[in-house]
């Protein structure tokens, strides 16, 4: 998938498999639809050009290292009000200055729950439409 530059996963998709888009080096943006409940482990790992990800509000699980090694990733928009389960390697080794935008009313919960608390300094409030 070296020529793939952007992905929009439709609401009709319920799961993204492990390693599904790993090493897609030209991928710059990903939008995950609201029907997706699970993002598999390593699904977007090492997508070196990825700068922006929008995670739909149906996501309940983010697999281990799902977005790790995405060295250009600076903006993550995570819509679920309840933090999806995940591990401390979900966003490991992303760009410095990366921000994770979550619903304003959920900021404090994201900052203390396992997996997400490792990124507490990067979590910012955001109003999703």
N, C-alpha and C. Protein backbone atom coordinates (compact mmCIF):
# COMPACT_ATOMS: atom_id res chain seq x y z
N UNK A 1 0.83 -1.20 0.00
CA UNK A 1 0.00 0.00 0.00
C UNK A 1 0.87 1.26 0.00
N UNK A 2 1.98 1.25 -0.67
CA UNK A 2 2.89 2.38 -0.63
C UNK A 2 2.36 3.63 -1.33
N UNK A 3 1.34 3.50 -2.17
CA UNK A 3 0.78 4.66 -2.87
C UNK A 3 -0.47 5.21 -2.19
N UNK A 4 -0.97 4.54 -1.20
CA UNK A 4 -2.19 4.95 -0.50
C UNK A 4 -1.90 6.20 0.33
N UNK A 5 -2.66 7.29 0.08
CA UNK A 5 -2.40 8.55 0.79
C UNK A 5 -3.43 8.90 1.85
N UNK A 6 -4.67 8.44 1.70
CA UNK A 6 -5.68 8.71 2.73
C UNK A 6 -6.70 7.59 2.74
N UNK A 7 -7.31 7.41 3.91
CA UNK A 7 -8.31 6.37 4.09
C UNK A 7 -9.47 6.95 4.85
N UNK A 8 -10.68 6.64 4.38
CA UNK A 8 -11.89 6.90 5.15
C UNK A 8 -12.58 5.55 5.30
N UNK A 9 -12.63 5.05 6.52
CA UNK A 9 -13.28 3.78 6.80
C UNK A 9 -14.76 4.09 7.01
N UNK A 10 -15.65 3.52 6.21
CA UNK A 10 -17.08 3.87 6.32
C UNK A 10 -17.71 3.33 7.61
N UNK A 11 -18.85 3.92 7.98
CA UNK A 11 -19.58 3.52 9.17
C UNK A 11 -20.02 2.06 9.12
N UNK A 12 -20.12 1.48 7.93
CA UNK A 12 -20.56 0.09 7.78
C UNK A 12 -19.51 -0.92 8.22
N UNK A 13 -18.27 -0.50 8.37
CA UNK A 13 -17.20 -1.38 8.82
C UNK A 13 -17.23 -1.44 10.34
N UNK A 14 -17.09 -2.65 10.92
CA UNK A 14 -17.17 -2.79 12.38
C UNK A 14 -15.81 -3.05 13.03
N UNK A 15 -14.82 -3.47 12.26
CA UNK A 15 -13.52 -3.80 12.84
C UNK A 15 -12.41 -3.59 11.82
N UNK A 16 -11.26 -3.12 12.29
CA UNK A 16 -10.07 -2.99 11.45
C UNK A 16 -9.09 -4.04 11.96
N UNK A 17 -8.69 -4.94 11.09
CA UNK A 17 -7.85 -6.05 11.50
C UNK A 17 -6.45 -5.65 11.91
N UNK A 18 -5.83 -6.52 12.68
CA UNK A 18 -4.44 -6.32 13.08
C UNK A 18 -3.55 -6.24 11.84
N UNK A 19 -2.61 -5.33 11.85
CA UNK A 19 -1.63 -5.14 10.78
C UNK A 19 -2.26 -4.68 9.45
N UNK A 20 -3.52 -4.29 9.44
CA UNK A 20 -4.25 -3.98 8.20
C UNK A 20 -3.55 -2.96 7.31
N UNK A 21 -3.02 -1.89 7.88
CA UNK A 21 -2.39 -0.83 7.10
C UNK A 21 -0.96 -0.57 7.55
N UNK A 22 -0.36 -1.51 8.21
CA UNK A 22 1.00 -1.36 8.72
C UNK A 22 1.96 -1.04 7.58
N UNK A 23 2.86 -0.09 7.84
CA UNK A 23 3.92 0.30 6.89
C UNK A 23 3.42 0.95 5.60
N UNK A 24 2.22 1.52 5.61
CA UNK A 24 1.74 2.28 4.45
C UNK A 24 2.45 3.64 4.48
N UNK A 25 3.57 3.72 3.85
CA UNK A 25 4.49 4.85 4.02
C UNK A 25 4.00 6.17 3.45
N UNK A 26 3.03 6.18 2.53
CA UNK A 26 2.54 7.43 1.96
C UNK A 26 1.24 7.91 2.60
N UNK A 27 0.69 7.13 3.49
CA UNK A 27 -0.57 7.45 4.14
C UNK A 27 -0.41 8.70 5.02
N UNK A 28 -1.23 9.74 4.76
CA UNK A 28 -1.13 10.98 5.53
C UNK A 28 -2.32 11.21 6.45
N UNK A 29 -3.50 10.67 6.11
CA UNK A 29 -4.67 10.89 6.96
C UNK A 29 -5.58 9.66 6.99
N UNK A 30 -6.19 9.45 8.15
CA UNK A 30 -7.10 8.33 8.36
C UNK A 30 -8.33 8.85 9.09
N UNK A 31 -9.51 8.51 8.58
CA UNK A 31 -10.76 8.80 9.26
C UNK A 31 -11.47 7.48 9.48
N UNK A 32 -11.72 7.16 10.73
CA UNK A 32 -12.35 5.89 11.08
C UNK A 32 -13.81 6.16 11.42
N UNK A 33 -14.70 5.50 10.71
CA UNK A 33 -16.13 5.72 10.86
C UNK A 33 -16.68 5.33 12.22
N UNK A 34 -17.87 5.82 12.52
CA UNK A 34 -18.50 5.62 13.81
C UNK A 34 -18.97 4.19 14.04
N UNK A 35 -19.04 3.37 12.99
CA UNK A 35 -19.46 1.98 13.14
C UNK A 35 -18.35 1.06 13.61
N UNK A 36 -17.11 1.51 13.49
CA UNK A 36 -15.97 0.68 13.89
C UNK A 36 -15.90 0.62 15.41
N UNK A 37 -15.83 -0.61 15.95
CA UNK A 37 -15.72 -0.76 17.40
C UNK A 37 -14.31 -1.18 17.81
N UNK A 38 -13.57 -1.81 16.91
CA UNK A 38 -12.24 -2.30 17.27
C UNK A 38 -11.21 -1.95 16.20
N UNK A 39 -10.07 -1.42 16.66
CA UNK A 39 -8.91 -1.20 15.81
C UNK A 39 -7.87 -2.22 16.26
N UNK A 40 -7.50 -3.12 15.37
CA UNK A 40 -6.59 -4.20 15.73
C UNK A 40 -5.19 -3.73 16.05
N UNK A 41 -4.47 -4.57 16.75
CA UNK A 41 -3.09 -4.28 17.11
C UNK A 41 -2.23 -4.05 15.88
N UNK A 42 -1.36 -3.06 15.95
CA UNK A 42 -0.41 -2.74 14.88
C UNK A 42 -1.10 -2.31 13.58
N UNK A 43 -2.38 -1.98 13.63
CA UNK A 43 -3.16 -1.69 12.42
C UNK A 43 -2.55 -0.60 11.54
N UNK A 44 -2.00 0.43 12.15
CA UNK A 44 -1.41 1.55 11.39
C UNK A 44 0.06 1.77 11.79
N UNK A 45 0.66 0.80 12.38
CA UNK A 45 2.03 0.92 12.87
C UNK A 45 2.99 1.28 11.74
N UNK A 46 3.90 2.19 12.05
CA UNK A 46 4.98 2.61 11.13
C UNK A 46 4.47 3.23 9.83
N UNK A 47 3.31 3.89 9.88
CA UNK A 47 2.86 4.69 8.73
C UNK A 47 3.57 6.03 8.88
N UNK A 48 4.75 6.11 8.32
CA UNK A 48 5.69 7.21 8.61
C UNK A 48 5.23 8.59 8.16
N UNK A 49 4.30 8.69 7.21
CA UNK A 49 3.82 9.99 6.74
C UNK A 49 2.50 10.41 7.37
N UNK A 50 1.92 9.54 8.19
CA UNK A 50 0.61 9.81 8.79
C UNK A 50 0.70 11.01 9.73
N UNK A 51 -0.12 12.04 9.46
CA UNK A 51 -0.12 13.25 10.27
C UNK A 51 -1.40 13.43 11.09
N UNK A 52 -2.52 12.86 10.62
CA UNK A 52 -3.80 13.10 11.27
C UNK A 52 -4.67 11.84 11.28
N UNK A 53 -5.30 11.58 12.43
CA UNK A 53 -6.19 10.44 12.59
C UNK A 53 -7.45 10.92 13.29
N UNK A 54 -8.61 10.51 12.78
CA UNK A 54 -9.88 10.76 13.45
C UNK A 54 -10.47 9.40 13.80
N UNK A 55 -10.71 9.18 15.08
CA UNK A 55 -11.23 7.92 15.58
C UNK A 55 -12.71 8.11 15.89
N UNK A 56 -13.56 7.34 15.21
CA UNK A 56 -15.01 7.46 15.35
C UNK A 56 -15.51 7.13 16.74
N UNK A 57 -16.72 7.62 17.04
CA UNK A 57 -17.23 7.51 18.41
C UNK A 57 -17.68 6.11 18.80
N UNK A 58 -17.66 5.15 17.87
CA UNK A 58 -18.02 3.78 18.20
C UNK A 58 -16.87 2.93 18.68
N UNK A 59 -15.65 3.45 18.59
CA UNK A 59 -14.46 2.65 18.94
C UNK A 59 -14.41 2.41 20.44
N UNK A 60 -14.32 1.13 20.83
CA UNK A 60 -14.23 0.74 22.23
C UNK A 60 -12.88 0.11 22.56
N UNK A 61 -12.15 -0.35 21.53
CA UNK A 61 -10.86 -1.01 21.74
C UNK A 61 -9.86 -0.56 20.70
N UNK A 62 -8.66 -0.19 21.15
CA UNK A 62 -7.55 0.12 20.25
C UNK A 62 -6.44 -0.86 20.60
N UNK A 63 -6.10 -1.70 19.65
CA UNK A 63 -5.11 -2.74 19.89
C UNK A 63 -3.72 -2.20 20.15
N UNK A 64 -2.89 -3.05 20.72
CA UNK A 64 -1.52 -2.69 21.07
C UNK A 64 -0.73 -2.17 19.88
N UNK A 65 -0.03 -1.09 20.11
CA UNK A 65 0.84 -0.47 19.09
C UNK A 65 0.12 -0.08 17.81
N UNK A 66 -1.19 0.16 17.90
CA UNK A 66 -1.99 0.45 16.70
C UNK A 66 -1.44 1.61 15.88
N UNK A 67 -0.95 2.66 16.53
CA UNK A 67 -0.43 3.84 15.83
C UNK A 67 1.03 4.11 16.22
N UNK A 68 1.72 3.11 16.72
CA UNK A 68 3.10 3.32 17.14
C UNK A 68 4.02 3.46 15.92
N UNK A 69 5.06 4.23 16.07
CA UNK A 69 6.01 4.40 14.99
C UNK A 69 5.54 5.32 13.88
N UNK A 70 4.41 5.99 14.09
CA UNK A 70 3.92 6.96 13.10
C UNK A 70 4.62 8.29 13.42
N UNK A 71 5.81 8.44 12.92
CA UNK A 71 6.72 9.52 13.32
C UNK A 71 6.26 10.92 12.92
N UNK A 72 5.27 11.02 12.02
CA UNK A 72 4.75 12.34 11.61
C UNK A 72 3.40 12.65 12.24
N UNK A 73 2.86 11.73 13.04
CA UNK A 73 1.52 11.90 13.60
C UNK A 73 1.52 13.02 14.65
N UNK A 74 0.79 14.10 14.34
CA UNK A 74 0.72 15.25 15.24
C UNK A 74 -0.69 15.50 15.78
N UNK A 75 -1.73 14.98 15.10
CA UNK A 75 -3.11 15.26 15.51
C UNK A 75 -3.94 13.99 15.53
N UNK A 76 -4.44 13.66 16.73
CA UNK A 76 -5.35 12.53 16.90
C UNK A 76 -6.64 13.09 17.45
N UNK A 77 -7.74 12.87 16.74
CA UNK A 77 -9.07 13.30 17.17
C UNK A 77 -9.83 12.05 17.58
N UNK A 78 -10.05 11.89 18.87
CA UNK A 78 -10.67 10.69 19.41
C UNK A 78 -12.05 11.05 19.93
N UNK A 79 -13.10 10.65 19.21
CA UNK A 79 -14.46 11.08 19.50
C UNK A 79 -15.17 10.37 20.64
N UNK A 80 -14.82 9.11 21.00
CA UNK A 80 -15.59 8.44 22.05
C UNK A 80 -15.55 9.18 23.38
N UNK A 81 -16.71 9.30 24.05
CA UNK A 81 -16.75 9.96 25.35
C UNK A 81 -16.17 9.06 26.43
N UNK A 82 -16.28 7.74 26.25
CA UNK A 82 -15.64 6.79 27.15
C UNK A 82 -14.33 6.36 26.50
N UNK A 83 -13.21 6.51 27.17
CA UNK A 83 -11.93 6.16 26.55
C UNK A 83 -11.90 4.70 26.10
N UNK A 84 -11.55 4.44 24.84
CA UNK A 84 -11.42 3.05 24.39
C UNK A 84 -10.32 2.35 25.17
N UNK A 85 -10.47 1.05 25.38
CA UNK A 85 -9.40 0.32 26.04
C UNK A 85 -8.20 0.29 25.11
N UNK A 86 -7.02 0.30 25.69
CA UNK A 86 -5.80 0.29 24.89
C UNK A 86 -4.60 0.15 25.81
N UNK A 87 -3.42 0.08 25.21
CA UNK A 87 -2.22 -0.07 26.02
C UNK A 87 -1.32 1.16 25.88
N UNK A 88 -0.25 1.16 26.65
CA UNK A 88 0.62 2.33 26.66
C UNK A 88 1.46 2.48 25.39
N UNK A 89 1.31 1.57 24.45
CA UNK A 89 2.05 1.66 23.18
C UNK A 89 1.17 2.08 22.00
N UNK A 90 -0.09 2.43 22.27
CA UNK A 90 -1.01 2.82 21.18
C UNK A 90 -0.40 3.89 20.29
N UNK A 91 0.16 4.91 20.91
CA UNK A 91 0.69 6.07 20.18
C UNK A 91 2.19 6.25 20.44
N UNK A 92 2.86 5.17 20.70
CA UNK A 92 4.29 5.23 21.02
C UNK A 92 5.11 5.71 19.83
N UNK A 93 6.07 6.56 20.10
CA UNK A 93 7.02 7.03 19.10
C UNK A 93 6.35 7.80 17.95
N UNK A 94 5.43 8.69 18.32
CA UNK A 94 4.83 9.62 17.35
C UNK A 94 5.66 10.89 17.30
N UNK A 95 5.22 11.87 16.51
CA UNK A 95 5.92 13.14 16.39
C UNK A 95 5.92 13.88 17.73
N UNK A 96 6.99 14.62 18.00
CA UNK A 96 6.99 15.44 19.21
C UNK A 96 5.95 16.55 19.03
N UNK A 97 5.31 16.92 20.10
CA UNK A 97 4.27 17.94 20.02
C UNK A 97 2.91 17.41 19.61
N UNK A 98 2.80 16.09 19.48
CA UNK A 98 1.51 15.49 19.09
C UNK A 98 0.44 15.86 20.10
N UNK A 99 -0.78 16.09 19.63
CA UNK A 99 -1.92 16.38 20.49
C UNK A 99 -2.99 15.32 20.24
N UNK A 100 -3.63 14.92 21.33
CA UNK A 100 -4.74 13.97 21.27
C UNK A 100 -5.97 14.73 21.74
N UNK A 101 -6.88 15.00 20.83
CA UNK A 101 -8.07 15.78 21.13
C UNK A 101 -9.21 14.83 21.48
N UNK A 102 -9.81 15.05 22.65
CA UNK A 102 -10.91 14.20 23.13
C UNK A 102 -12.08 15.10 23.52
N UNK A 103 -13.28 14.50 23.65
CA UNK A 103 -14.43 15.33 24.04
C UNK A 103 -14.15 16.09 25.35
N UNK A 104 -14.50 17.35 25.36
CA UNK A 104 -14.22 18.24 26.49
C UNK A 104 -14.65 17.62 27.82
N UNK A 105 -15.84 17.01 27.84
CA UNK A 105 -16.36 16.46 29.09
C UNK A 105 -15.63 15.19 29.55
N UNK A 106 -14.75 14.64 28.71
CA UNK A 106 -14.08 13.38 29.03
C UNK A 106 -12.58 13.52 29.29
N UNK A 107 -12.06 14.74 29.24
CA UNK A 107 -10.62 14.95 29.36
C UNK A 107 -10.05 14.30 30.62
N UNK A 108 -10.65 14.57 31.76
CA UNK A 108 -10.10 14.05 33.02
C UNK A 108 -10.12 12.53 33.06
N UNK A 109 -11.16 11.91 32.51
CA UNK A 109 -11.22 10.44 32.47
C UNK A 109 -10.12 9.87 31.59
N UNK A 110 -9.91 10.46 30.42
CA UNK A 110 -8.84 10.01 29.53
C UNK A 110 -7.47 10.10 30.22
N UNK A 111 -7.27 11.14 31.00
CA UNK A 111 -5.97 11.37 31.61
C UNK A 111 -5.62 10.39 32.73
N UNK A 112 -6.58 9.63 33.24
CA UNK A 112 -6.30 8.73 34.35
C UNK A 112 -6.50 7.25 34.02
N UNK A 113 -7.14 6.93 32.92
CA UNK A 113 -7.42 5.52 32.61
C UNK A 113 -6.18 4.85 31.99
N UNK A 114 -6.02 3.56 32.30
CA UNK A 114 -4.88 2.81 31.78
C UNK A 114 -4.76 2.92 30.27
N UNK A 115 -3.53 3.01 29.79
CA UNK A 115 -3.26 3.19 28.37
C UNK A 115 -3.21 4.65 27.99
N UNK A 116 -4.23 5.39 28.32
CA UNK A 116 -4.32 6.81 27.98
C UNK A 116 -3.52 7.69 28.93
N UNK A 117 -3.41 7.29 30.19
CA UNK A 117 -2.72 8.14 31.17
C UNK A 117 -1.26 8.36 30.80
N UNK A 118 -0.70 7.46 29.99
CA UNK A 118 0.68 7.63 29.53
C UNK A 118 0.81 8.81 28.56
N UNK A 119 -0.31 9.27 28.04
CA UNK A 119 -0.33 10.39 27.09
C UNK A 119 -1.04 11.60 27.67
N UNK A 120 -1.18 11.65 28.99
CA UNK A 120 -1.96 12.72 29.65
C UNK A 120 -1.50 14.12 29.25
N UNK A 121 -0.20 14.32 29.09
CA UNK A 121 0.31 15.65 28.73
C UNK A 121 -0.08 16.07 27.32
N UNK A 122 -0.48 15.12 26.48
CA UNK A 122 -0.84 15.41 25.09
C UNK A 122 -2.34 15.57 24.90
N UNK A 123 -3.13 15.23 25.90
CA UNK A 123 -4.60 15.23 25.78
C UNK A 123 -5.13 16.65 25.94
N UNK A 124 -5.97 17.04 24.97
CA UNK A 124 -6.56 18.38 24.93
C UNK A 124 -8.07 18.26 24.75
N UNK A 125 -8.83 19.20 25.32
CA UNK A 125 -10.29 19.19 25.11
C UNK A 125 -10.65 19.62 23.69
N UNK A 126 -11.73 19.04 23.18
CA UNK A 126 -12.18 19.37 21.83
C UNK A 126 -13.70 19.21 21.78
N UNK A 127 -14.36 20.10 21.07
CA UNK A 127 -15.82 20.00 20.89
C UNK A 127 -16.07 19.41 19.51
N UNK A 128 -16.58 18.17 19.50
CA UNK A 128 -16.91 17.50 18.23
C UNK A 128 -18.35 17.85 17.86
N UNK A 129 -18.58 17.99 16.57
CA UNK A 129 -19.94 18.32 16.11
C UNK A 129 -20.76 17.07 15.95
